[in-house]
N, C-alpha and C. Protein backbone atom coordinates (compact mmCIF):
# COMPACT_ATOMS: atom_id res chain seq x y z
N MET A 1 109.39 90.03 98.01
CA MET A 1 109.34 91.35 97.42
C MET A 1 110.53 91.49 96.49
N PHE A 2 110.29 92.10 95.38
CA PHE A 2 111.33 92.38 94.39
C PHE A 2 111.34 93.88 94.14
N LEU A 3 112.54 94.47 94.16
CA LEU A 3 112.67 95.91 93.91
C LEU A 3 113.63 96.16 92.76
N ALA A 4 113.35 97.17 91.97
CA ALA A 4 114.23 97.61 90.89
C ALA A 4 114.14 99.12 90.82
N ASN A 5 115.28 99.76 90.57
CA ASN A 5 115.25 101.21 90.47
C ASN A 5 116.15 101.70 89.35
N GLY A 6 115.93 102.96 88.97
CA GLY A 6 116.73 103.58 87.93
C GLY A 6 118.06 104.05 88.46
N LEU A 7 118.88 104.59 87.59
CA LEU A 7 120.21 105.06 87.97
C LEU A 7 120.15 106.17 89.01
N ALA A 8 119.16 107.01 88.96
CA ALA A 8 119.03 108.12 89.90
C ALA A 8 118.38 107.69 91.21
N GLY A 9 117.99 106.44 91.33
CA GLY A 9 117.35 105.93 92.54
C GLY A 9 115.84 105.84 92.44
N TYR A 10 115.25 106.72 91.67
CA TYR A 10 113.79 106.72 91.52
C TYR A 10 113.47 106.87 90.05
N PRO A 11 112.40 106.30 89.60
CA PRO A 11 111.39 105.61 90.38
C PRO A 11 111.86 104.22 90.82
N VAL A 12 111.22 103.71 91.88
CA VAL A 12 111.45 102.35 92.37
C VAL A 12 110.23 101.53 91.97
N HIS A 13 110.48 100.42 91.33
CA HIS A 13 109.41 99.50 90.95
C HIS A 13 109.47 98.32 91.90
N ALA A 14 108.32 97.95 92.46
CA ALA A 14 108.27 96.86 93.43
C ALA A 14 107.19 95.86 93.04
N ILE A 15 107.49 94.61 93.30
CA ILE A 15 106.51 93.54 93.16
C ILE A 15 106.42 92.88 94.53
N ILE A 16 105.21 92.82 95.08
CA ILE A 16 105.04 92.26 96.42
C ILE A 16 104.10 91.06 96.38
N ASP A 17 104.18 90.30 97.44
CA ASP A 17 103.34 89.12 97.62
C ASP A 17 101.86 89.50 97.53
N GLU A 18 101.08 88.65 96.91
CA GLU A 18 99.66 88.91 96.69
C GLU A 18 98.90 89.10 98.01
N THR A 19 99.20 88.27 99.00
CA THR A 19 98.52 88.38 100.29
C THR A 19 98.83 89.70 100.97
N ILE A 20 100.10 90.10 100.95
CA ILE A 20 100.48 91.38 101.55
C ILE A 20 99.78 92.52 100.81
N ALA A 21 99.76 92.45 99.50
CA ALA A 21 99.11 93.49 98.70
C ALA A 21 97.64 93.64 99.11
N GLU A 22 96.95 92.52 99.26
CA GLU A 22 95.55 92.56 99.67
C GLU A 22 95.39 93.13 101.07
N GLN A 23 96.29 92.74 101.98
CA GLN A 23 96.19 93.19 103.37
C GLN A 23 96.39 94.70 103.51
N VAL A 24 97.25 95.27 102.68
CA VAL A 24 97.55 96.70 102.81
C VAL A 24 96.87 97.56 101.75
N GLY A 25 96.08 96.94 100.90
CA GLY A 25 95.31 97.68 99.91
C GLY A 25 96.13 98.23 98.75
N LEU A 26 97.13 97.47 98.31
CA LEU A 26 97.96 97.87 97.19
C LEU A 26 97.89 96.84 96.08
N SER A 27 98.35 97.23 94.92
CA SER A 27 98.51 96.31 93.81
C SER A 27 99.77 95.47 94.06
N THR A 28 99.89 94.33 93.41
CA THR A 28 101.10 93.52 93.57
C THR A 28 102.30 94.17 92.90
N GLU A 29 102.04 95.07 91.94
CA GLU A 29 103.12 95.82 91.29
C GLU A 29 102.88 97.30 91.54
N ILE A 30 103.91 97.96 92.03
CA ILE A 30 103.77 99.38 92.38
C ILE A 30 105.02 100.14 91.97
N THR A 31 104.85 101.41 91.66
CA THR A 31 105.96 102.29 91.33
C THR A 31 105.95 103.47 92.28
N CYS A 32 107.09 103.73 92.89
CA CYS A 32 107.25 104.87 93.79
C CYS A 32 108.15 105.88 93.09
N ASP A 33 107.63 107.08 92.87
CA ASP A 33 108.36 108.09 92.11
C ASP A 33 109.34 108.91 92.94
N ASN A 34 109.22 108.83 94.28
CA ASN A 34 110.13 109.61 95.12
C ASN A 34 110.30 108.94 96.48
N LYS A 35 111.17 109.52 97.30
CA LYS A 35 111.48 108.94 98.60
C LYS A 35 110.26 108.85 99.50
N ALA A 36 109.45 109.87 99.52
CA ALA A 36 108.26 109.88 100.38
C ALA A 36 107.31 108.75 100.02
N GLU A 37 107.06 108.55 98.73
CA GLU A 37 106.19 107.45 98.29
C GLU A 37 106.79 106.09 98.67
N PHE A 38 108.10 105.96 98.50
CA PHE A 38 108.77 104.69 98.81
C PHE A 38 108.70 104.40 100.31
N GLU A 39 108.92 105.42 101.13
CA GLU A 39 108.85 105.23 102.59
C GLU A 39 107.43 104.85 103.02
N GLN A 40 106.44 105.48 102.40
CA GLN A 40 105.04 105.16 102.70
C GLN A 40 104.73 103.71 102.30
N PHE A 41 105.22 103.31 101.14
CA PHE A 41 105.04 101.94 100.66
C PHE A 41 105.68 100.95 101.64
N LEU A 42 106.94 101.21 102.03
CA LEU A 42 107.64 100.31 102.95
C LEU A 42 106.93 100.21 104.29
N GLU A 43 106.44 101.32 104.78
CA GLU A 43 105.73 101.31 106.06
C GLU A 43 104.51 100.40 106.01
N LYS A 44 103.76 100.50 104.92
CA LYS A 44 102.58 99.64 104.76
C LYS A 44 102.98 98.17 104.69
N VAL A 45 103.98 97.86 103.88
CA VAL A 45 104.39 96.47 103.70
C VAL A 45 104.97 95.90 104.99
N LEU A 46 105.84 96.66 105.64
CA LEU A 46 106.50 96.16 106.85
C LEU A 46 105.53 96.00 108.02
N ASN A 47 104.41 96.69 107.98
CA ASN A 47 103.40 96.56 109.03
C ASN A 47 102.26 95.62 108.66
N SER A 48 102.39 94.92 107.57
CA SER A 48 101.33 94.00 107.14
C SER A 48 101.28 92.79 108.09
N PRO A 49 100.09 92.28 108.32
CA PRO A 49 99.95 91.11 109.19
C PRO A 49 100.79 89.91 108.72
N LYS A 50 100.88 89.69 107.41
CA LYS A 50 101.65 88.54 106.93
C LYS A 50 103.13 88.69 107.26
N LEU A 51 103.68 89.88 107.03
CA LEU A 51 105.10 90.08 107.32
C LEU A 51 105.36 90.00 108.82
N GLU A 52 104.44 90.52 109.62
CA GLU A 52 104.57 90.40 111.07
C GLU A 52 104.60 88.93 111.48
N GLU A 53 103.78 88.12 110.86
CA GLU A 53 103.74 86.68 111.15
C GLU A 53 105.05 86.00 110.72
N VAL A 54 105.58 86.38 109.57
CA VAL A 54 106.84 85.81 109.10
C VAL A 54 107.97 86.14 110.08
N VAL A 55 108.04 87.38 110.51
CA VAL A 55 109.09 87.79 111.46
C VAL A 55 108.92 87.05 112.79
N LYS A 56 107.68 86.95 113.26
CA LYS A 56 107.40 86.23 114.50
C LYS A 56 107.87 84.77 114.39
N ASN A 57 107.58 84.14 113.26
CA ASN A 57 108.00 82.75 113.06
C ASN A 57 109.51 82.62 112.98
N LEU A 58 110.18 83.60 112.38
CA LEU A 58 111.64 83.57 112.33
C LEU A 58 112.25 83.66 113.72
N PHE A 59 111.71 84.53 114.56
CA PHE A 59 112.20 84.63 115.94
C PHE A 59 111.96 83.32 116.69
N ALA A 60 110.79 82.73 116.53
CA ALA A 60 110.48 81.47 117.20
C ALA A 60 111.41 80.36 116.73
N TYR A 61 111.66 80.30 115.42
CA TYR A 61 112.56 79.29 114.87
C TYR A 61 113.97 79.48 115.43
N ASN A 62 114.43 80.72 115.45
CA ASN A 62 115.76 81.01 115.97
C ASN A 62 115.88 80.61 117.44
N LYS A 63 114.87 80.92 118.22
CA LYS A 63 114.88 80.56 119.65
C LYS A 63 114.94 79.04 119.82
N LYS A 64 114.15 78.33 119.02
CA LYS A 64 114.14 76.87 119.10
C LYS A 64 115.50 76.30 118.74
N LYS A 65 116.12 76.82 117.68
CA LYS A 65 117.44 76.33 117.27
C LYS A 65 118.48 76.61 118.35
N GLN A 66 118.43 77.78 118.97
CA GLN A 66 119.37 78.10 120.04
C GLN A 66 119.20 77.15 121.22
N GLU A 67 117.95 76.85 121.56
CA GLU A 67 117.68 75.93 122.66
C GLU A 67 118.20 74.53 122.33
N GLU A 68 118.01 74.08 121.09
CA GLU A 68 118.51 72.77 120.67
C GLU A 68 120.03 72.73 120.73
N GLU A 69 120.68 73.80 120.25
CA GLU A 69 122.13 73.85 120.27
C GLU A 69 122.66 73.86 121.70
N GLN A 70 121.99 74.58 122.58
CA GLN A 70 122.40 74.62 123.98
C GLN A 70 122.25 73.25 124.63
N LYS A 71 121.17 72.56 124.29
CA LYS A 71 120.93 71.22 124.84
C LYS A 71 122.03 70.27 124.38
N ILE A 72 122.39 70.31 123.10
CA ILE A 72 123.46 69.45 122.57
C ILE A 72 124.79 69.79 123.23
N LYS A 73 125.07 71.06 123.37
CA LYS A 73 126.31 71.49 124.01
C LYS A 73 126.37 70.99 125.45
N GLN A 74 125.26 71.10 126.16
CA GLN A 74 125.22 70.63 127.55
C GLN A 74 125.41 69.12 127.63
N GLU A 75 124.77 68.39 126.71
CA GLU A 75 124.92 66.93 126.70
C GLU A 75 126.37 66.54 126.42
N LEU A 76 127.02 67.24 125.51
CA LEU A 76 128.43 66.95 125.21
C LEU A 76 129.32 67.25 126.42
N GLU A 77 129.04 68.34 127.10
CA GLU A 77 129.81 68.67 128.28
C GLU A 77 129.60 67.66 129.39
N ASP A 78 128.35 67.20 129.54
CA ASP A 78 128.04 66.21 130.56
C ASP A 78 128.71 64.87 130.28
N ASP A 79 128.85 64.51 129.00
CA ASP A 79 129.43 63.24 128.60
C ASP A 79 130.95 63.27 128.57
N CYS A 80 131.53 64.45 128.55
CA CYS A 80 132.98 64.59 128.42
C CYS A 80 133.65 64.30 129.77
N PRO A 81 134.63 63.36 129.78
CA PRO A 81 135.28 63.01 131.05
C PRO A 81 136.32 64.05 131.49
N PHE A 82 136.61 65.02 130.69
CA PHE A 82 137.66 66.00 131.04
C PHE A 82 137.11 67.21 131.71
């Protein structure tokens, strides 16, 4: 997602991923003229199935990395004679 706004904060121009746009029924390029429109736009995008999948994958990746780091740390502790 790409966002650009004017000096006063609005309007906000956004370009979103094509898949997300299709999932939430929006164009890939959108303009929000006020806070209410922008919040409505964000709610739709943040609740899109694609973004939910991306976040889910990030959590899974992070968990896997933490488990790998813990395993390495444990192996180092087990091998350390001190």
